[in-house]
PDB file of all heavy atoms in Angstrom:
ATOM      1  N   ALA A   1      97.066  88.573  94.836  1.00  0.00           N
ATOM      2  CA  ALA A   1      97.268  88.652  96.213  1.00  0.00           C
ATOM      3  C   ALA A   1      98.085  89.893  96.614  1.00  0.00           C
ATOM      4  O   ALA A   1      97.793  90.596  97.568  1.00  0.00           O
ATOM      5  CB  ALA A   1      98.012  87.404  96.781  1.00  0.00           C
ATOM      6  N   ALA A   2      99.057  90.171  95.808  1.00  0.00           N
ATOM      7  CA  ALA A   2      99.941  91.417  96.030  1.00  0.00           C
ATOM      8  C   ALA A   2      99.080  92.635  95.878  1.00  0.00           C
ATOM      9  O   ALA A   2      99.209  93.607  96.692  1.00  0.00           O
ATOM     10  CB  ALA A   2     101.104  91.410  95.103  1.00  0.00           C
ATOM     11  N   GLN A   3      98.248  92.701  94.847  1.00  0.00           N
ATOM     12  CA  GLN A   3      97.407  93.880  94.662  1.00  0.00           C
ATOM     13  C   GLN A   3      96.407  94.060  95.808  1.00  0.00           C
ATOM     14  O   GLN A   3      95.993  95.226  96.069  1.00  0.00           O
ATOM     15  CB  GLN A   3      96.699  93.754  93.304  1.00  0.00           C
ATOM     16  CG  GLN A   3      97.643  93.943  92.133  1.00  0.00           C
ATOM     17  CD  GLN A   3      97.003  93.632  90.808  1.00  0.00           C
ATOM     18  OE1 GLN A   3      96.068  92.861  90.675  1.00  0.00           O
ATOM     19  NE2 GLN A   3      97.547  94.277  89.746  1.00  0.00           N
ATOM     20  N   ALA A   4      96.018  92.909  96.385  1.00  0.00           N
ATOM     21  CA  ALA A   4      95.056  92.984  97.564  1.00  0.00           C
ATOM     22  C   ALA A   4      95.784  93.273  98.888  1.00  0.00           C
ATOM     23  O   ALA A   4      95.166  93.318  99.871  1.00  0.00           O
ATOM     24  CB  ALA A   4      94.252  91.727  97.605  1.00  0.00           C
ATOM     25  N   GLY A   5      97.122  93.385  98.805  1.00  0.00           N
ATOM     26  CA  GLY A   5      97.895  93.638 100.037  1.00  0.00           C
ATOM     27  C   GLY A   5      98.093  92.407 100.835  1.00  0.00           C
ATOM     28  O   GLY A   5      98.462  92.481 102.049  1.00  0.00           O
ATOM     29  N   ARG A   6      97.984  91.203 100.309  1.00  0.00           N
ATOM     30  CA  ARG A   6      98.036  89.895 100.981  1.00  0.00           C
ATOM     31  C   ARG A   6      99.228  89.095 100.537  1.00  0.00           C
ATOM     32  O   ARG A   6      99.270  87.878 100.813  1.00  0.00           O
ATOM     33  CB  ARG A   6      96.760  89.152 100.827  1.00  0.00           C
ATOM     34  CG  ARG A   6      95.515  89.780 101.425  1.00  0.00           C
ATOM     35  CD  ARG A   6      95.478  89.824 102.940  1.00  0.00           C
ATOM     36  NE  ARG A   6      95.765  88.509 103.468  1.00  0.00           N
ATOM     37  CZ  ARG A   6      96.430  88.296 104.615  1.00  0.00           C
ATOM     38  NH1 ARG A   6      96.940  89.241 105.286  1.00  0.00           N
ATOM     39  NH2 ARG A   6      96.657  87.060 104.993  1.00  0.00           N
ATOM     40  N   GLY A   7     100.170  89.684  99.742  1.00  0.00           N
ATOM     41  CA  GLY A   7     101.310  88.917  99.217  1.00  0.00           C
ATOM     42  C   GLY A   7     102.355  89.813  98.765  1.00  0.00           C
ATOM     43  O   GLY A   7     102.154  91.047  98.549  1.00  0.00           O
ATOM     44  N   PRO A   8     103.558  89.284  98.524  1.00  0.00           N
ATOM     45  CA  PRO A   8     104.688  90.071  98.074  1.00  0.00           C
ATOM     46  C   PRO A   8     104.659  90.379  96.614  1.00  0.00           C
ATOM     47  O   PRO A   8     104.007  89.687  95.806  1.00  0.00           O
ATOM     48  CB  PRO A   8     105.904  89.178  98.416  1.00  0.00           C
ATOM     49  CG  PRO A   8     105.347  87.797  98.282  1.00  0.00           C
ATOM     50  CD  PRO A   8     103.889  87.881  98.784  1.00  0.00           C
ATOM     51  N   THR A   9     105.365  91.450  96.280  1.00  0.00           N
ATOM     52  CA  THR A   9     105.579  91.700  94.803  1.00  0.00           C
ATOM     53  C   THR A   9     106.897  91.067  94.420  1.00  0.00           C
ATOM     54  O   THR A   9     107.714  90.831  95.284  1.00  0.00           O
ATOM     55  CB  THR A   9     105.592  93.273  94.562  1.00  0.00           C
ATOM     56  OG1 THR A   9     106.666  93.757  95.328  1.00  0.00           O
ATOM     57  CG2 THR A   9     104.332  93.913  94.868  1.00  0.00           C
ATOM     58  N   PRO A  10     107.105  90.851  93.140  1.00  0.00           N
ATOM     59  CA  PRO A  10     108.393  90.242  92.760  1.00  0.00           C
ATOM     60  C   PRO A  10     109.605  91.119  92.959  1.00  0.00           C
ATOM     61  O   PRO A  10     109.404  92.338  92.924  1.00  0.00           O
ATOM     62  CB  PRO A  10     108.254  89.925  91.219  1.00  0.00           C
ATOM     63  CG  PRO A  10     107.156  90.754  90.810  1.00  0.00           C
ATOM     64  CD  PRO A  10     106.254  91.123  92.024  1.00  0.00           C
ATOM     65  N   GLU A  11     110.691  90.481  93.194  1.00  0.00           N
ATOM     66  CA  GLU A  11     112.010  91.240  93.239  1.00  0.00           C
ATOM     67  C   GLU A  11     112.923  90.396  92.455  1.00  0.00           C
ATOM     68  O   GLU A  11     113.535  89.431  92.946  1.00  0.00           O
ATOM     69  CB  GLU A  11     112.494  91.503  94.660  1.00  0.00           C
ATOM     70  CG  GLU A  11     113.769  92.308  94.626  1.00  0.00           C
ATOM     71  CD  GLU A  11     114.258  92.663  96.028  1.00  0.00           C
ATOM     72  OE1 GLU A  11     113.563  93.472  96.679  1.00  0.00           O
ATOM     73  OE2 GLU A  11     115.311  92.106  96.433  1.00  0.00           O
ATOM     74  N   VAL A  12     113.131  90.731  91.174  1.00  0.00           N
ATOM     75  CA  VAL A  12     113.948  90.029  90.243  1.00  0.00           C
ATOM     76  C   VAL A  12     115.327  90.704  90.299  1.00  0.00           C
ATOM     77  O   VAL A  12     115.468  91.878  90.184  1.00  0.00           O
ATOM     78  CB  VAL A  12     113.401  90.009  88.840  1.00  0.00           C
ATOM     79  CG1 VAL A  12     114.308  89.341  87.859  1.00  0.00           C
ATOM     80  CG2 VAL A  12     112.008  89.388  88.786  1.00  0.00           C
ATOM     81  N   ARG A  13     116.388  89.828  90.492  1.00  0.00           N
ATOM     82  CA  ARG A  13     117.807  90.400  90.481  1.00  0.00           C
ATOM     83  C   ARG A  13     118.567  89.609  89.402  1.00  0.00           C
ATOM     84  O   ARG A  13     118.577  88.384  89.464  1.00  0.00           O
ATOM     85  CB  ARG A  13     118.424  90.168  91.823  1.00  0.00           C
ATOM     86  CG  ARG A  13     117.822  90.979  92.932  1.00  0.00           C
ATOM     87  CD  ARG A  13     118.454  90.663  94.317  1.00  0.00           C
ATOM     88  NE  ARG A  13     117.870  91.481  95.279  1.00  0.00           N
ATOM     89  CZ  ARG A  13     118.356  92.667  95.691  1.00  0.00           C
ATOM     90  NH1 ARG A  13     119.489  93.105  95.132  1.00  0.00           N
ATOM     91  NH2 ARG A  13     117.780  93.363  96.635  1.00  0.00           N
ATOM     92  N   ILE A  14     119.142  90.362  88.527  1.00  0.00           N
ATOM     93  CA  ILE A  14     119.973  89.725  87.434  1.00  0.00           C
ATOM     94  C   ILE A  14     121.283  90.419  87.432  1.00  0.00           C
ATOM     95  O   ILE A  14     121.410  91.661  87.358  1.00  0.00           O
ATOM     96  CB  ILE A  14     119.267  89.851  86.060  1.00  0.00           C
ATOM     97  CG1 ILE A  14     117.944  89.202  86.091  1.00  0.00           C
ATOM     98  CG2 ILE A  14     120.146  89.304  84.965  1.00  0.00           C
ATOM     99  CD1 ILE A  14     117.116  89.425  84.783  1.00  0.00           C
ATOM    100  N   ASP A  15     122.390  89.618  87.557  1.00  0.00           N
ATOM    101  CA  ASP A  15     123.752  90.144  87.476  1.00  0.00           C
ATOM    102  C   ASP A  15     124.285  89.909  86.014  1.00  0.00           C
ATOM    103  O   ASP A  15     124.005  88.878  85.471  1.00  0.00           O
ATOM    104  CB  ASP A  15     124.691  89.420  88.426  1.00  0.00           C
ATOM    105  CG  ASP A  15     124.280  89.608  89.876  1.00  0.00           C
ATOM    106  OD1 ASP A  15     123.617  90.620  90.156  1.00  0.00           O
ATOM    107  OD2 ASP A  15     124.679  88.763  90.718  1.00  0.00           O
ATOM    108  N   PHE A  16     124.964  90.896  85.469  1.00  0.00           N
ATOM    109  CA  PHE A  16     125.489  90.799  84.122  1.00  0.00           C
ATOM    110  C   PHE A  16     126.684  91.726  83.911  1.00  0.00           C
ATOM    111  O   PHE A  16     126.971  92.563  84.762  1.00  0.00           O
ATOM    112  CB  PHE A  16     124.409  91.154  83.105  1.00  0.00           C
ATOM    113  CG  PHE A  16     123.919  92.598  83.297  1.00  0.00           C
ATOM    114  CD1 PHE A  16     124.512  93.665  82.525  1.00  0.00           C
ATOM    115  CD2 PHE A  16     122.856  92.928  84.102  1.00  0.00           C
ATOM    116  CE1 PHE A  16     124.086  94.924  82.662  1.00  0.00           C
ATOM    117  CE2 PHE A  16     122.462  94.338  84.301  1.00  0.00           C
ATOM    118  CZ  PHE A  16     123.108  95.297  83.520  1.00  0.00           C
ATOM    119  N   ARG A  17     127.385  91.477  82.816  1.00  0.00           N
ATOM    120  CA  ARG A  17     128.461  92.390  82.359  1.00  0.00           C
ATOM    121  C   ARG A  17     128.031  92.936  81.029  1.00  0.00           C
ATOM    122  O   ARG A  17     127.260  92.334  80.279  1.00  0.00           O
ATOM    123  CB  ARG A  17     129.762  91.585  82.150  1.00  0.00           C
ATOM    124  CG  ARG A  17     130.401  91.097  83.481  1.00  0.00           C
ATOM    125  CD  ARG A  17     131.659  90.359  83.134  1.00  0.00           C
ATOM    126  NE  ARG A  17     132.217  89.728  84.349  1.00  0.00           N
ATOM    127  CZ  ARG A  17     133.031  90.272  85.133  1.00  0.00           C
ATOM    128  NH1 ARG A  17     133.404  91.524  84.927  1.00  0.00           N
ATOM    129  NH2 ARG A  17     133.489  89.648  86.308  1.00  0.00           N
ATOM    130  N   LEU A  18     128.622  94.064  80.677  1.00  0.00           N
ATOM    131  CA  LEU A  18     128.378  94.621  79.339  1.00  0.00           C
ATOM    132  C   LEU A  18     129.302  93.906  78.374  1.00  0.00           C
ATOM    133  O   LEU A  18     130.497  93.736  78.577  1.00  0.00           O
ATOM    134  CB  LEU A  18     128.755  96.122  79.320  1.00  0.00           C
ATOM    135  CG  LEU A  18     127.879  97.014  80.269  1.00  0.00           C
ATOM    136  CD1 LEU A  18     128.372  98.435  80.209  1.00  0.00           C
ATOM    137  CD2 LEU A  18     126.454  96.904  79.867  1.00  0.00           C
ATOM    138  N   ALA A  19     128.709  93.290  77.337  1.00  0.00           N
ATOM    139  CA  ALA A  19     129.450  92.458  76.367  1.00  0.00           C
ATOM    140  C   ALA A  19     130.613  93.229  75.720  1.00  0.00           C
ATOM    141  O   ALA A  19     131.631  92.678  75.544  1.00  0.00           O
ATOM    142  CB  ALA A  19     128.513  91.935  75.344  1.00  0.00           C
ATOM    143  N   ASP A  20     130.425  94.513  75.451  1.00  0.00           N
ATOM    144  CA  ASP A  20     131.444  95.296  74.803  1.00  0.00           C
ATOM    145  C   ASP A  20     132.464  95.915  75.758  1.00  0.00           C
ATOM    146  O   ASP A  20     133.506  96.327  75.325  1.00  0.00           O
ATOM    147  CB  ASP A  20     130.795  96.371  73.944  1.00  0.00           C
ATOM    148  CG  ASP A  20     129.930  95.800  72.835  1.00  0.00           C
ATOM    149  OD1 ASP A  20     130.260  94.690  72.385  1.00  0.00           O
ATOM    150  OD2 ASP A  20     128.985  96.468  72.397  1.00  0.00           O
ATOM    151  N   LEU A  21     132.163  95.926  77.035  1.00  0.00           N
ATOM    152  CA  LEU A  21     133.095  96.433  78.014  1.00  0.00           C
ATOM    153  C   LEU A  21     133.093  95.627  79.341  1.00  0.00           C
ATOM    154  O   LEU A  21     132.767  96.097  80.430  1.00  0.00           O
ATOM    155  CB  LEU A  21     132.722  97.906  78.429  1.00  0.00           C
ATOM    156  CG  LEU A  21     132.738  98.965  77.263  1.00  0.00           C
ATOM    157  CD1 LEU A  21     131.981 100.202  77.626  1.00  0.00           C
ATOM    158  CD2 LEU A  21     134.182  99.253  76.933  1.00  0.00           C
ATOM    159  N   PRO A  22     133.488  94.327  79.176  1.00  0.00           N
ATOM    160  CA  PRO A  22     133.413  93.448  80.418  1.00  0.00           C
ATOM    161  C   PRO A  22     134.351  93.910  81.509  1.00  0.00           C
ATOM    162  O   PRO A  22     134.084  93.574  82.700  1.00  0.00           O
ATOM    163  CB  PRO A  22     133.802  92.065  79.838  1.00  0.00           C
ATOM    164  CG  PRO A  22     134.520  92.398  78.624  1.00  0.00           C
ATOM    165  CD  PRO A  22     133.970  93.679  78.033  1.00  0.00           C
ATOM    166  N   GLU A  23     135.369  94.637  81.219  1.00  0.00           N
ATOM    167  CA  GLU A  23     136.266  95.110  82.237  1.00  0.00           C
ATOM    168  C   GLU A  23     135.708  96.130  83.174  1.00  0.00           C
ATOM    169  O   GLU A  23     136.207  96.393  84.271  1.00  0.00           O
ATOM    170  CB  GLU A  23     137.567  95.756  81.595  1.00  0.00           C
ATOM    171  CG  GLU A  23     137.344  97.036  80.831  1.00  0.00           C
ATOM    172  CD  GLU A  23     136.844  96.793  79.372  1.00  0.00           C
ATOM    173  OE1 GLU A  23     136.615  95.674  78.932  1.00  0.00           O
ATOM    174  OE2 GLU A  23     136.794  97.795  78.605  1.00  0.00           O
ATOM    175  N   LEU A  24     134.474  96.615  82.954  1.00  0.00           N
ATOM    176  CA  LEU A  24     133.751  97.513  83.882  1.00  0.00           C
ATOM    177  C   LEU A  24     133.154  96.801  85.080  1.00  0.00           C
ATOM    178  O   LEU A  24     132.806  97.403  86.019  1.00  0.00           O
ATOM    179  CB  LEU A  24     132.658  98.226  83.147  1.00  0.00           C
ATOM    180  CG  LEU A  24     133.114  99.322  82.097  1.00  0.00           C
ATOM    181  CD1 LEU A  24     131.903  99.967  81.504  1.00  0.00           C
ATOM    182  CD2 LEU A  24     134.073 100.329  82.712  1.00  0.00           C
ATOM    183  N   GLY A  25     133.158  95.427  85.016  1.00  0.00           N
ATOM    184  CA  GLY A  25     132.660  94.676  86.142  1.00  0.00           C
ATOM    185  C   GLY A  25     131.240  94.252  86.000  1.00  0.00           C
ATOM    186  O   GLY A  25     130.631  94.361  84.921  1.00  0.00           O
ATOM    187  N   VAL A  26     130.700  93.788  87.104  1.00  0.00           N
ATOM    188  CA  VAL A  26     129.367  93.222  87.150  1.00  0.00           C
ATOM    189  C   VAL A  26     128.366  94.322  87.489  1.00  0.00           C
ATOM    190  O   VAL A  26     128.576  95.081  88.459  1.00  0.00           O
ATOM    191  CB  VAL A  26     129.304  92.051  88.110  1.00  0.00           C
ATOM    192  CG1 VAL A  26     127.893  91.469  88.212  1.00  0.00           C
ATOM    193  CG2 VAL A  26     130.265  90.949  87.695  1.00  0.00           C
ATOM    194  N   PHE A  27     127.263  94.350  86.723  1.00  0.00           N
ATOM    195  CA  PHE A  27     126.159  95.291  87.036  1.00  0.00           C
ATOM    196  C   PHE A  27     124.996  94.398  87.523  1.00  0.00           C
ATOM    197  O   PHE A  27     124.876  93.215  87.304  1.00  0.00           O
ATOM    198  CB  PHE A  27     125.756  96.025  85.746  1.00  0.00           C
ATOM    199  CG  PHE A  27     126.737  96.993  85.303  1.00  0.00           C
ATOM    200  CD1 PHE A  27     127.811  96.584  84.551  1.00  0.00           C
ATOM    201  CD2 PHE A  27     126.630  98.358  85.620  1.00  0.00           C
ATOM    202  CE1 PHE A  27     128.794  97.540  84.111  1.00  0.00           C
ATOM    203  CE2 PHE A  27     127.586  99.265  85.141  1.00  0.00           C
ATOM    204  CZ  PHE A  27     128.671  98.845  84.433  1.00  0.00           C
ATOM    205  N   ASN A  28     124.050  95.114  88.179  1.00  0.00           N
ATOM    206  CA  ASN A  28     122.843  94.465  88.740  1.00  0.00           C
ATOM    207  C   ASN A  28     121.617  95.113  88.152  1.00  0.00           C
ATOM    208  O   ASN A  28     121.506  96.313  88.182  1.00  0.00           O
ATOM    209  CB  ASN A  28     122.780  94.530  90.224  1.00  0.00           C
ATOM    210  CG  ASN A  28     124.062  94.012  90.866  1.00  0.00           C
ATOM    211  OD1 ASN A  28     124.998  94.786  91.125  1.00  0.00           O
ATOM    212  ND2 ASN A  28     124.163  92.774  91.209  1.00  0.00           N
ATOM    213  N   LEU A  29     120.679  94.347  87.725  1.00  0.00           N
ATOM    214  CA  LEU A  29     119.332  94.815  87.424  1.00  0.00           C
ATOM    215  C   LEU A  29     118.421  94.247  88.465  1.00  0.00           C
ATOM    216  O   LEU A  29     118.401  93.087  88.776  1.00  0.00           O
ATOM    217  CB  LEU A  29     118.892  94.263  86.001  1.00  0.00           C
ATOM    218  CG  LEU A  29     117.422  94.488  85.657  1.00  0.00           C
ATOM    219  CD1 LEU A  29     117.214  95.977  85.406  1.00  0.00           C
ATOM    220  CD2 LEU A  29     117.042  93.627  84.484  1.00  0.00           C
ATOM    221  N   VAL A  30     117.733  95.198  89.107  1.00  0.00           N
ATOM    222  CA  VAL A  30     116.706  94.771  90.123  1.00  0.00           C
ATOM    223  C   VAL A  30     115.413  95.382  89.637  1.00  0.00           C
ATOM    224  O   VAL A  30     115.275  96.563  89.393  1.00  0.00           O
ATOM    225  CB  VAL A  30     117.097  95.366  91.457  1.00  0.00           C
ATOM    226  CG1 VAL A  30     116.059  95.022  92.568  1.00  0.00           C
ATOM    227  CG2 VAL A  30     118.482  94.936  91.928  1.00  0.00           C
ATOM    228  N   SER A  31     114.418  94.528  89.533  1.00  0.00           N
ATOM    229  CA  SER A  31     113.109  94.944  89.041  1.00  0.00           C
ATOM    230  C   SER A  31     111.985  94.285  89.771  1.00  0.00           C
ATOM    231  O   SER A  31     112.155  93.154  90.269  1.00  0.00           O
ATOM    232  CB  SER A  31     113.058  94.526  87.540  1.00  0.00           C
ATOM    233  OG  SER A  31     111.716  94.841  87.005  1.00  0.00           O
ATOM    234  N   SER A  32     110.861  94.991  89.909  1.00  0.00           N
ATOM    235  CA  SER A  32     109.666  94.450  90.476  1.00  0.00           C
ATOM    236  C   SER A  32     108.646  94.201  89.411  1.00  0.00           C
ATOM    237  O   SER A  32     107.424  94.047  89.710  1.00  0.00           O
ATOM    238  CB  SER A  32     109.080  95.358  91.549  1.00  0.00           C
ATOM    239  OG  SER A  32     108.789  96.627  90.965  1.00  0.00           O
ATOM    240  N   SER A  33     109.028  93.978  88.155  1.00  0.00           N
ATOM    241  CA  SER A  33     108.201  93.780  86.991  1.00  0.00           C
ATOM    242  C   SER A  33     107.557  92.443  87.029  1.00  0.00           C
ATOM    243  O   SER A  33     108.315  91.408  87.027  1.00  0.00           O
ATOM    244  CB  SER A  33     109.023  93.936  85.705  1.00  0.00           C
ATOM    245  OG  SER A  33     108.285  93.490  84.590  1.00  0.00           O
TER     246      SER A  33
END
């Protein structure tokens, strides 16, 4: 449906911290995969 222009594409949002540097705060991964 998305390829036909009749539906949305995904918008995945994942919040995470770097395991080795958690003090840097929260990062966001946003993907339409």
